[in-house]
N, C-alpha and C. Protein backbone atom coordinates (compact mmCIF):
# COMPACT_ATOMS: atom_id res chain seq x y z
N MET A 1 1.04 -1.50 0.02
CA MET A 1 -0.12 -0.35 0.02
C MET A 1 0.99 1.33 -0.01
N TRP A 2 0.66 2.31 -0.95
CA TRP A 2 1.11 3.71 -1.01
C TRP A 2 0.70 4.30 0.10
N ASP A 3 1.30 4.49 1.01
CA ASP A 3 0.99 5.82 2.23
C ASP A 3 1.03 7.40 1.54
N LEU A 4 -0.04 8.02 1.14
CA LEU A 4 0.01 9.12 0.34
C LEU A 4 0.53 10.44 1.31
N GLY A 5 0.29 9.98 2.49
CA GLY A 5 0.74 11.37 3.81
C GLY A 5 1.98 11.20 3.94
N THR A 6 2.91 10.46 3.88
CA THR A 6 4.33 9.79 3.88
C THR A 6 5.06 9.65 2.59
N GLY A 7 4.79 8.87 2.12
CA GLY A 7 5.14 8.71 0.08
C GLY A 7 5.60 7.75 0.15
N GLU A 8 5.29 6.53 1.28
CA GLU A 8 6.16 5.39 1.70
C GLU A 8 5.02 4.08 0.82
N ILE A 9 6.41 3.11 0.72
CA ILE A 9 5.25 1.94 0.07
C ILE A 9 5.73 1.20 1.04
N HIS A 10 4.35 0.43 1.74
CA HIS A 10 4.54 -0.89 2.77
C HIS A 10 4.10 -2.22 2.27
N ALA A 11 4.86 -3.22 2.09
CA ALA A 11 4.57 -4.24 1.58
C ALA A 11 2.30 -4.55 2.67
N ILE A 12 1.87 -5.35 1.43
CA ILE A 12 0.21 -6.13 1.78
C ILE A 12 0.59 -7.61 2.41
N SER A 13 0.56 -7.47 4.29
CA SER A 13 0.53 -8.93 4.38
C SER A 13 -0.58 -9.71 3.72
N GLY A 14 -0.24 -11.23 3.48
CA GLY A 14 -0.65 -12.36 3.30
C GLY A 14 -1.02 -12.06 1.26
N ALA A 15 -0.14 -11.45 0.76
CA ALA A 15 -0.43 -10.98 -0.93
C ALA A 15 0.19 -12.23 -1.36
N THR A 16 -0.09 -12.68 -2.31
CA THR A 16 0.88 -14.27 -2.57
C THR A 16 0.81 -14.05 -4.06
N ALA A 17 1.85 -14.01 -5.01
CA ALA A 17 2.10 -14.10 -6.16
C ALA A 17 1.46 -15.59 -6.83
N GLU A 18 0.30 -15.02 -8.09
CA GLU A 18 0.38 -16.42 -8.87
C GLU A 18 0.39 -15.85 -10.58
N GLY A 19 1.60 -16.83 -10.58
CA GLY A 19 1.97 -16.91 -12.30
C GLY A 19 2.39 -15.16 -12.65
N ASP A 20 1.47 -14.85 -13.22
CA ASP A 20 1.87 -12.80 -13.67
C ASP A 20 0.41 -12.11 -12.80
N SER A 21 0.30 -12.44 -11.84
CA SER A 21 -0.42 -11.52 -10.94
C SER A 21 -0.28 -12.05 -9.65
N VAL A 22 -1.03 -10.58 -9.31
CA VAL A 22 -0.97 -10.95 -7.41
C VAL A 22 -2.62 -10.60 -6.73
N ARG A 23 -2.38 -11.34 -5.83
CA ARG A 23 -3.89 -11.63 -5.18
C ARG A 23 -3.21 -11.08 -3.55
N PHE A 24 -4.76 -10.12 -3.23
CA PHE A 24 -4.15 -10.17 -1.89
C PHE A 24 -6.09 -9.57 -1.56
N ALA A 25 -6.34 -9.33 -0.20
CA ALA A 25 -7.63 -9.03 0.36
C ALA A 25 -6.99 -7.69 0.62
N LEU A 26 -8.43 -6.72 0.00
CA LEU A 26 -8.43 -5.73 -0.28
C LEU A 26 -10.01 -5.02 0.76
N MET A 27 -9.91 -4.71 2.44
CA MET A 27 -10.77 -4.12 2.69
C MET A 27 -11.18 -2.76 3.09
N LEU A 28 -11.87 -1.95 2.52
CA LEU A 28 -12.33 -0.53 2.77
C LEU A 28 -13.33 -0.09 3.35
N GLY A 29 -12.88 0.86 4.64
CA GLY A 29 -14.23 1.57 5.11
C GLY A 29 -14.70 2.29 4.13
N PRO A 30 -15.96 2.88 4.89
CA PRO A 30 -16.77 3.53 4.42
C PRO A 30 -16.13 4.86 4.02
N TYR A 31 -16.44 5.26 2.73
CA TYR A 31 -15.73 6.20 2.01
C TYR A 31 -14.33 6.68 1.73
N GLU A 32 -13.61 5.28 2.15
CA GLU A 32 -12.17 4.67 1.70
C GLU A 32 -11.65 4.23 0.63
N ALA A 33 -10.29 5.02 0.21
CA ALA A 33 -9.46 4.72 -0.36
C ALA A 33 -8.12 4.26 -0.48
N LYS A 34 -7.44 3.63 -1.24
CA LYS A 34 -6.36 2.81 -1.14
C LYS A 34 -5.14 2.97 -2.49
N VAL A 35 -4.18 2.67 -2.29
CA VAL A 35 -3.04 3.41 -3.82
C VAL A 35 -2.40 2.06 -3.52
N VAL A 36 -2.61 0.98 -4.11
CA VAL A 36 -1.85 -0.35 -4.47
C VAL A 36 -0.76 -0.29 -5.47
N VAL A 37 0.59 -0.16 -4.95
CA VAL A 37 1.52 -0.52 -5.68
C VAL A 37 1.97 -1.92 -6.50
N VAL A 38 1.71 -2.85 -7.62
CA VAL A 38 2.16 -3.44 -8.21
C VAL A 38 3.69 -4.28 -8.18
N GLY A 39 4.02 -5.08 -7.81
CA GLY A 39 5.92 -5.10 -8.29
C GLY A 39 6.49 -5.60 -7.39
N PRO A 40 7.63 -6.57 -7.66
CA PRO A 40 8.11 -6.99 -6.75
C PRO A 40 9.10 -5.88 -5.55
N LEU A 41 9.24 -6.64 -4.89
CA LEU A 41 9.60 -5.64 -3.24
C LEU A 41 11.31 -5.24 -3.63
N PRO A 42 11.80 -4.13 -3.35
CA PRO A 42 13.00 -4.05 -3.87
C PRO A 42 14.11 -4.73 -2.94
N SER A 43 14.88 -4.85 -3.34
CA SER A 43 16.20 -5.68 -2.23
C SER A 43 16.34 -4.76 -1.13
N GLY A 44 16.47 -5.85 -0.41
CA GLY A 44 16.71 -5.50 0.94
C GLY A 44 15.08 -5.26 1.75
N GLY A 45 14.06 -4.96 0.74
CA GLY A 45 12.77 -4.74 1.53
C GLY A 45 12.63 -6.05 2.46
N GLY A 46 11.74 -6.05 3.62
CA GLY A 46 11.17 -6.88 4.08
C GLY A 46 9.51 -7.13 4.37
N ARG A 47 8.54 -7.55 4.52
CA ARG A 47 7.76 -7.71 4.58
C ARG A 47 6.85 -6.67 5.74
N SER A 48 7.66 -6.32 6.91
CA SER A 48 6.66 -4.97 7.56
C SER A 48 7.96 -3.98 7.71
N GLY A 49 7.42 -2.57 7.71
CA GLY A 49 7.91 -1.30 7.41
C GLY A 49 7.78 -1.04 5.91
N ALA A 50 8.47 0.10 5.67
CA ALA A 50 8.45 0.71 4.86
C ALA A 50 9.10 -0.13 3.79
N VAL A 51 8.93 0.08 2.21
CA VAL A 51 10.11 -0.61 1.82
C VAL A 51 10.54 0.07 0.47
N LEU A 52 9.57 1.24 0.23
CA LEU A 52 10.32 2.05 -0.75
C LEU A 52 10.30 3.55 -0.04
N ALA A 53 10.87 4.16 -0.25
CA ALA A 53 10.56 5.49 0.53
C ALA A 53 10.36 6.94 -0.72
N ALA A 54 9.47 7.59 -0.76
CA ALA A 54 9.39 8.20 -1.95
C ALA A 54 10.75 9.18 -3.01
N GLY A 55 9.93 9.25 -4.13
CA GLY A 55 10.90 9.72 -4.99
C GLY A 55 11.85 8.16 -5.45
N ASN A 56 11.80 7.29 -4.74
CA ASN A 56 12.36 6.07 -5.47
C ASN A 56 11.70 5.30 -6.53
N THR A 57 12.16 5.27 -7.92
CA THR A 57 11.63 4.42 -8.77
C THR A 57 11.18 2.49 -8.45
N LEU A 58 10.31 2.31 -8.08
CA LEU A 58 10.12 1.02 -8.01
C LEU A 58 10.28 0.10 -9.00
N ALA A 59 9.45 0.05 -10.22
CA ALA A 59 9.21 -0.41 -11.69
C ALA A 59 8.87 0.24 -12.63
N GLU A 60 9.18 0.34 -13.78
CA GLU A 60 9.00 0.98 -14.68
C GLU A 60 7.56 0.09 -15.64
N LEU A 61 7.03 0.96 -16.22
CA LEU A 61 5.97 -0.12 -16.67
C LEU A 61 5.78 0.64 -18.38
N ASP A 62 6.87 0.05 -18.72
CA ASP A 62 7.07 0.43 -20.19
C ASP A 62 7.00 -0.92 -20.77
N GLY A 63 6.64 -0.82 -22.33
CA GLY A 63 6.51 -1.79 -23.07
C GLY A 63 4.74 -2.37 -22.43
N ASP A 64 4.10 -3.85 -23.01
CA ASP A 64 2.74 -4.08 -22.45
C ASP A 64 2.84 -4.46 -21.21
N TRP A 65 1.68 -4.04 -20.95
CA TRP A 65 1.22 -4.82 -19.35
C TRP A 65 -0.48 -4.69 -19.56
N ALA A 66 -0.84 -5.57 -18.20
CA ALA A 66 -2.32 -5.39 -18.79
C ALA A 66 -2.72 -5.41 -16.64
N LEU A 67 -3.80 -5.08 -16.53
CA LEU A 67 -4.99 -5.30 -15.22
C LEU A 67 -5.74 -5.78 -14.98
N GLY A 68 -6.23 -6.65 -14.70
CA GLY A 68 -7.67 -7.61 -13.95
C GLY A 68 -8.14 -7.07 -12.73
N LEU A 69 -9.00 -6.30 -13.45
CA LEU A 69 -10.32 -5.89 -11.90
C LEU A 69 -11.37 -6.32 -12.37
N ASN A 70 -11.61 -7.27 -11.43
CA ASN A 70 -12.80 -8.05 -11.51
C ASN A 70 -13.57 -8.10 -12.38
N GLY A 71 -12.80 -9.45 -13.03
CA GLY A 71 -13.08 -9.76 -14.58
C GLY A 71 -12.75 -8.90 -15.77
N LYS A 72 -12.84 -7.90 -15.53
CA LYS A 72 -11.95 -6.63 -16.39
C LYS A 72 -10.79 -6.06 -16.90
N GLN A 73 -9.93 -6.28 -18.00
CA GLN A 73 -8.92 -5.82 -18.18
C GLN A 73 -8.56 -4.30 -18.56
N VAL A 74 -7.73 -4.07 -18.00
CA VAL A 74 -7.19 -2.80 -18.15
C VAL A 74 -5.46 -3.08 -19.04
N THR A 75 -5.28 -2.03 -20.18
CA THR A 75 -3.88 -2.67 -20.63
C THR A 75 -3.39 -1.09 -21.04
N GLY A 76 -2.15 -1.58 -20.78
CA GLY A 76 -1.05 -0.10 -21.29
C GLY A 76 -0.79 -0.18 -22.87
N LEU A 77 0.03 0.75 -23.66
CA LEU A 77 -0.20 0.74 -24.59
C LEU A 77 1.18 0.24 -25.91
């Protein structure tokens, strides 16, 4: 999860890689929004605490990519 207040990205506990996708539970409260960053953990990043500080690039999305949300596909150019 990307904490927009601090700019830090924290690993989502219970997230599992499944081939070329990631599965995790997403619980939202009323009127709540969360920003999810999908990609590998940076080297040295653990499962707790901040794994990426503001201003560092985690992964470039150049080339073809796709995102599946509730059976719908979103793709890059």
